Every structure is written in C-alpha cells, then in structure tokens.
C-alpha cells in the first residue's frame, strides 16, 4: 500500500481542521498544539506522512474540542471527523477520543492535557484510513 498523506494545513480560516473555540482565550494556542500533536502522531506511523509530495491521495482529520463545564470542573473530549483528501468526502466512521477533567474553567484548561488527548486519538483513525484507502 502506498504512503497515506494526512493533510494538516490549518491556515484556511473558513475550513479549520482544529477547532478549539470553546476554550475561549486559549483557543488559538490550543489549535496550534492540536496541529503539532497530529503531525507528531502521523510522523510516528511508518505508512503515513504529512509530506504532500509523497502522495496525491490522503485524508484530513478534523478535530473539534467539546467542553462540559460545571461545579468548578471542566471536561474536554474531541469530535473526530475523517475526510478524504483532496475531494473532501466524509469517511463514515465513529472514532472515540478519551476525555479529561480538570479543576477550573475552559479558558484555563491545560494545553498539555489537550495534547495528550489528541495524541491518543489520532492513531485510532489510522485503521479506518488504511481500510478506506484500499477501496479508492
């Protein structure tokens, strides 16, 4: 099987790949941390790459932070969507992320904890992309 490209370009404000707006003032830093974590996770998988020149077909992993806050605690999890690259068709799947609960509000959510959530979630998308790539 050829190397599978994973698009990590989050520069188009209209088509964001990493969405952390529910973390308030820390959203921009959180989105950068999410992108770094995706790139690191992809870099550890020998059959995946973030180098567009190595493969014309691939996938985009869209991550959105979900927040539940109350009683002085904040719980964060991720919505994960996998789209085919470059056409944008959604790959029908459910990939579960973990959750993390910390004391305090969403704006103070530790970015290293978010990074750990992303790092744990991204490899769960790899089997889905491998199977789908065989059908393309």
C-alpha atoms as a PDB file:
ATOM      1  CA  UNK A   1       0.000   0.000   0.000  1.00  0.00           C
ATOM      2  CA  UNK A   2       1.325   3.492  -0.800  1.00  0.00           C
ATOM      3  CA  UNK A   3       2.125   6.015   1.909  1.00  0.00           C
ATOM      4  CA  UNK A   4      -1.043   7.766   3.070  1.00  0.00           C
ATOM      5  CA  UNK A   5      -0.977  11.549   3.194  1.00  0.00           C
ATOM      6  CA  UNK A   6      -2.596  13.342   6.150  1.00  0.00           C
ATOM      7  CA  UNK A   7      -3.438  16.988   5.480  1.00  0.00           C
ATOM      8  CA  UNK A   8      -2.574  19.168   8.483  1.00  0.00           C
ATOM      9  CA  UNK A   9      -2.867  22.616   6.852  1.00  0.00           C
ATOM     10  CA  UNK A  10      -4.989  24.679   9.237  1.00  0.00           C
ATOM     11  CA  UNK A  11      -4.348  28.037   7.543  1.00  0.00           C
ATOM     12  CA  UNK A  12      -7.769  28.474   5.865  1.00  0.00           C
ATOM     13  CA  UNK A  13      -9.914  30.226   8.477  1.00  0.00           C
ATOM     14  CA  UNK A  14     -13.093  29.108   6.635  1.00  0.00           C
ATOM     15  CA  UNK A  15     -12.095  25.420   6.713  1.00  0.00           C
ATOM     16  CA  UNK A  16     -10.390  24.933  10.052  1.00  0.00           C
ATOM     17  CA  UNK A  17      -9.126  21.460  10.863  1.00  0.00           C
ATOM     18  CA  UNK A  18      -8.522  22.047  14.554  1.00  0.00           C
ATOM     19  CA  UNK A  19     -11.324  23.833  16.365  1.00  0.00           C
ATOM     20  CA  UNK A  20     -10.894  24.808  20.000  1.00  0.00           C
ATOM     21  CA  UNK A  21     -13.101  27.912  20.166  1.00  0.00           C
ATOM     22  CA  UNK A  22     -14.857  26.578  23.282  1.00  0.00           C
ATOM     23  CA  UNK A  23     -11.613  27.073  25.205  1.00  0.00           C
ATOM     24  CA  UNK A  24     -12.044  30.850  24.950  1.00  0.00           C
ATOM     25  CA  UNK A  25      -8.879  32.939  25.033  1.00  0.00           C
ATOM     26  CA  UNK A  26      -6.656  29.844  24.836  1.00  0.00           C
ATOM     27  CA  UNK A  27      -8.276  28.674  21.582  1.00  0.00           C
ATOM     28  CA  UNK A  28      -5.531  29.824  19.192  1.00  0.00           C
ATOM     29  CA  UNK A  29      -2.749  28.235  21.260  1.00  0.00           C
ATOM     30  CA  UNK A  30      -4.851  25.092  21.710  1.00  0.00           C
ATOM     31  CA  UNK A  31      -5.362  24.785  17.941  1.00  0.00           C
ATOM     32  CA  UNK A  32      -1.610  25.105  17.354  1.00  0.00           C
ATOM     33  CA  UNK A  33      -0.992  22.431  19.991  1.00  0.00           C
ATOM     34  CA  UNK A  34      -3.577  20.169  18.316  1.00  0.00           C
ATOM     35  CA  UNK A  35      -1.890  20.588  14.930  1.00  0.00           C
ATOM     36  CA  UNK A  36       1.526  19.816  16.432  1.00  0.00           C
ATOM     37  CA  UNK A  37       0.127  16.702  18.139  1.00  0.00           C
ATOM     38  CA  UNK A  38      -1.460  15.434  14.893  1.00  0.00           C
ATOM     39  CA  UNK A  39       1.779  15.971  12.988  1.00  0.00           C
ATOM     40  CA  UNK A  40       3.768  14.168  15.697  1.00  0.00           C
ATOM     41  CA  UNK A  41       1.370  11.201  15.785  1.00  0.00           C
ATOM     42  CA  UNK A  42       1.382  10.891  11.986  1.00  0.00           C
ATOM     43  CA  UNK A  43       5.179  11.136  11.974  1.00  0.00           C
ATOM     44  CA  UNK A  44       5.403   8.041  14.195  1.00  0.00           C
ATOM     45  CA  UNK A  45       3.342   5.879  11.794  1.00  0.00           C
ATOM     46  CA  UNK A  46       5.571   4.461   9.030  1.00  0.00           C
ATOM     47  CA  UNK A  47       2.798   4.255   6.418  1.00  0.00           C
ATOM     48  CA  UNK A  48       1.510   7.830   6.936  1.00  0.00           C
ATOM     49  CA  UNK A  49       3.031  11.209   6.087  1.00  0.00           C
ATOM     50  CA  UNK A  50       2.276  14.919   6.288  1.00  0.00           C
ATOM     51  CA  UNK A  51       4.509  15.499   3.233  1.00  0.00           C
ATOM     52  CA  UNK A  52       2.112  16.247   0.362  1.00  0.00           C
ATOM     53  CA  UNK A  53       4.750  15.453  -2.272  1.00  0.00           C
ATOM     54  CA  UNK A  54       4.860  11.776  -1.201  1.00  0.00           C
ATOM     55  CA  UNK A  55       1.221  11.001  -2.012  1.00  0.00           C
ATOM     56  CA  UNK A  56      -1.596  12.601  -4.028  1.00  0.00           C
ATOM     57  CA  UNK A  57      -4.411  10.923  -2.069  1.00  0.00           C
ATOM     58  CA  UNK A  58      -4.992  11.001   1.618  1.00  0.00           C
ATOM     59  CA  UNK A  59      -7.142  12.227   4.447  1.00  0.00           C
ATOM     60  CA  UNK A  60      -7.890  15.221   6.605  1.00  0.00           C
ATOM     61  CA  UNK A  61      -8.542  14.660  10.291  1.00  0.00           C
ATOM     62  CA  UNK A  62     -10.829  17.345  11.691  1.00  0.00           C
ATOM     63  CA  UNK A  63     -10.765  17.694  15.462  1.00  0.00           C
ATOM     64  CA  UNK A  64     -13.205  19.808  17.443  1.00  0.00           C
ATOM     65  CA  UNK A  65     -12.926  20.311  21.178  1.00  0.00           C
ATOM     66  CA  UNK A  66     -16.113  19.549  23.144  1.00  0.00           C
ATOM     67  CA  UNK A  67     -16.387  21.132  26.582  1.00  0.00           C
ATOM     68  CA  UNK A  68     -18.656  20.423  29.526  1.00  0.00           C
ATOM     69  CA  UNK A  69     -18.110  22.783  32.442  1.00  0.00           C
ATOM     70  CA  UNK A  70     -19.775  22.879  35.831  1.00  0.00           C
ATOM     71  CA  UNK A  71     -19.205  22.665  39.580  1.00  0.00           C
ATOM     72  CA  UNK A  72     -15.728  24.134  39.202  1.00  0.00           C
ATOM     73  CA  UNK A  73     -14.564  21.433  36.788  1.00  0.00           C
ATOM     74  CA  UNK A  74     -14.119  21.250  33.015  1.00  0.00           C
ATOM     75  CA  UNK A  75     -14.352  18.058  30.982  1.00  0.00           C
ATOM     76  CA  UNK A  76     -12.939  18.043  27.457  1.00  0.00           C
ATOM     77  CA  UNK A  77     -13.278  15.463  24.697  1.00  0.00           C
ATOM     78  CA  UNK A  78     -12.870  15.565  20.905  1.00  0.00           C
ATOM     79  CA  UNK A  79     -15.240  15.238  17.968  1.00  0.00           C
ATOM     80  CA  UNK A  80     -13.263  13.465  15.249  1.00  0.00           C
ATOM     81  CA  UNK A  81     -14.144  13.572  11.557  1.00  0.00           C
ATOM     82  CA  UNK A  82     -12.144  11.956   8.752  1.00  0.00           C
ATOM     83  CA  UNK A  83     -12.491  13.405   5.250  1.00  0.00           C
ATOM     84  CA  UNK A  84     -10.869  12.135   2.070  1.00  0.00           C
ATOM     85  CA  UNK A  85      -8.235  14.430   0.652  1.00  0.00           C
ATOM     86  CA  UNK A  86      -8.411  16.258  -1.723  1.00  0.00           C
ATOM     87  CA  UNK A  87     -12.109  15.746  -2.556  1.00  0.00           C
ATOM     88  CA  UNK A  88     -13.455  16.271   0.988  1.00  0.00           C
ATOM     89  CA  UNK A  89     -15.863  13.308   1.085  1.00  0.00           C
ATOM     90  CA  UNK A  90     -16.535  12.184   4.639  1.00  0.00           C
ATOM     91  CA  UNK A  91     -15.432   8.698   5.602  1.00  0.00           C
ATOM     92  CA  UNK A  92     -18.314   7.295   7.633  1.00  0.00           C
ATOM     93  CA  UNK A  93     -16.929   6.234  10.977  1.00  0.00           C
ATOM     94  CA  UNK A  94     -17.029   6.867  14.666  1.00  0.00           C
ATOM     95  CA  UNK A  95     -13.701   7.261  16.385  1.00  0.00           C
ATOM     96  CA  UNK A  96     -13.836   7.792  20.131  1.00  0.00           C
ATOM     97  CA  UNK A  97     -11.451  10.120  21.881  1.00  0.00           C
ATOM     98  CA  UNK A  98     -10.719   9.972  25.530  1.00  0.00           C
ATOM     99  CA  UNK A  99     -11.908  12.612  27.973  1.00  0.00           C
ATOM    100  CA  UNK A 100     -10.064  14.694  30.531  1.00  0.00           C
ATOM    101  CA  UNK A 101     -11.476  16.512  33.532  1.00  0.00           C
ATOM    102  CA  UNK A 102      -9.599  19.234  35.386  1.00  0.00           C
ATOM    103  CA  UNK A 103     -10.414  21.789  38.067  1.00  0.00           C
ATOM    104  CA  UNK A 104     -11.270  25.249  36.760  1.00  0.00           C
ATOM    105  CA  UNK A 105     -12.914  26.739  33.687  1.00  0.00           C
ATOM    106  CA  UNK A 106     -12.428  26.078  29.980  1.00  0.00           C
ATOM    107  CA  UNK A 107     -10.065  29.018  29.407  1.00  0.00           C
ATOM    108  CA  UNK A 108      -7.598  27.579  31.883  1.00  0.00           C
ATOM    109  CA  UNK A 109      -7.672  24.050  30.506  1.00  0.00           C
ATOM    110  CA  UNK A 110      -4.064  22.734  30.413  1.00  0.00           C
ATOM    111  CA  UNK A 111      -2.827  22.514  26.826  1.00  0.00           C
ATOM    112  CA  UNK A 112      -0.565  19.556  27.612  1.00  0.00           C
ATOM    113  CA  UNK A 113      -3.666  17.583  28.632  1.00  0.00           C
ATOM    114  CA  UNK A 114      -5.325  18.526  25.335  1.00  0.00           C
ATOM    115  CA  UNK A 115      -2.177  17.465  23.503  1.00  0.00           C
ATOM    116  CA  UNK A 116      -2.347  14.075  25.246  1.00  0.00           C
ATOM    117  CA  UNK A 117      -5.995  13.661  24.163  1.00  0.00           C
ATOM    118  CA  UNK A 118      -5.083  14.376  20.533  1.00  0.00           C
ATOM    119  CA  UNK A 119      -2.001  12.154  20.656  1.00  0.00           C
ATOM    120  CA  UNK A 120      -4.164   9.293  21.922  1.00  0.00           C
ATOM    121  CA  UNK A 121      -6.999   9.860  19.442  1.00  0.00           C
ATOM    122  CA  UNK A 122      -5.111  10.253  16.145  1.00  0.00           C
ATOM    123  CA  UNK A 123      -3.692   6.696  15.957  1.00  0.00           C
ATOM    124  CA  UNK A 124      -7.259   5.392  16.346  1.00  0.00           C
ATOM    125  CA  UNK A 125      -8.028   6.924  12.932  1.00  0.00           C
ATOM    126  CA  UNK A 126      -5.226   5.062  11.130  1.00  0.00           C
ATOM    127  CA  UNK A 127      -7.024   1.692  10.688  1.00  0.00           C
ATOM    128  CA  UNK A 128     -10.050   3.471   9.218  1.00  0.00           C
ATOM    129  CA  UNK A 129      -7.878   5.337   6.712  1.00  0.00           C
ATOM    130  CA  UNK A 130      -5.918   2.189   5.767  1.00  0.00           C
ATOM    131  CA  UNK A 131      -9.108   0.261   5.041  1.00  0.00           C
ATOM    132  CA  UNK A 132     -10.682   3.120   3.122  1.00  0.00           C
ATOM    133  CA  UNK A 133      -7.518   3.678   1.069  1.00  0.00           C
ATOM    134  CA  UNK A 134      -7.701   0.096  -0.225  1.00  0.00           C
ATOM    135  CA  UNK A 135     -11.132   0.908  -1.701  1.00  0.00           C
ATOM    136  CA  UNK A 136     -10.027   4.090  -3.503  1.00  0.00           C
END
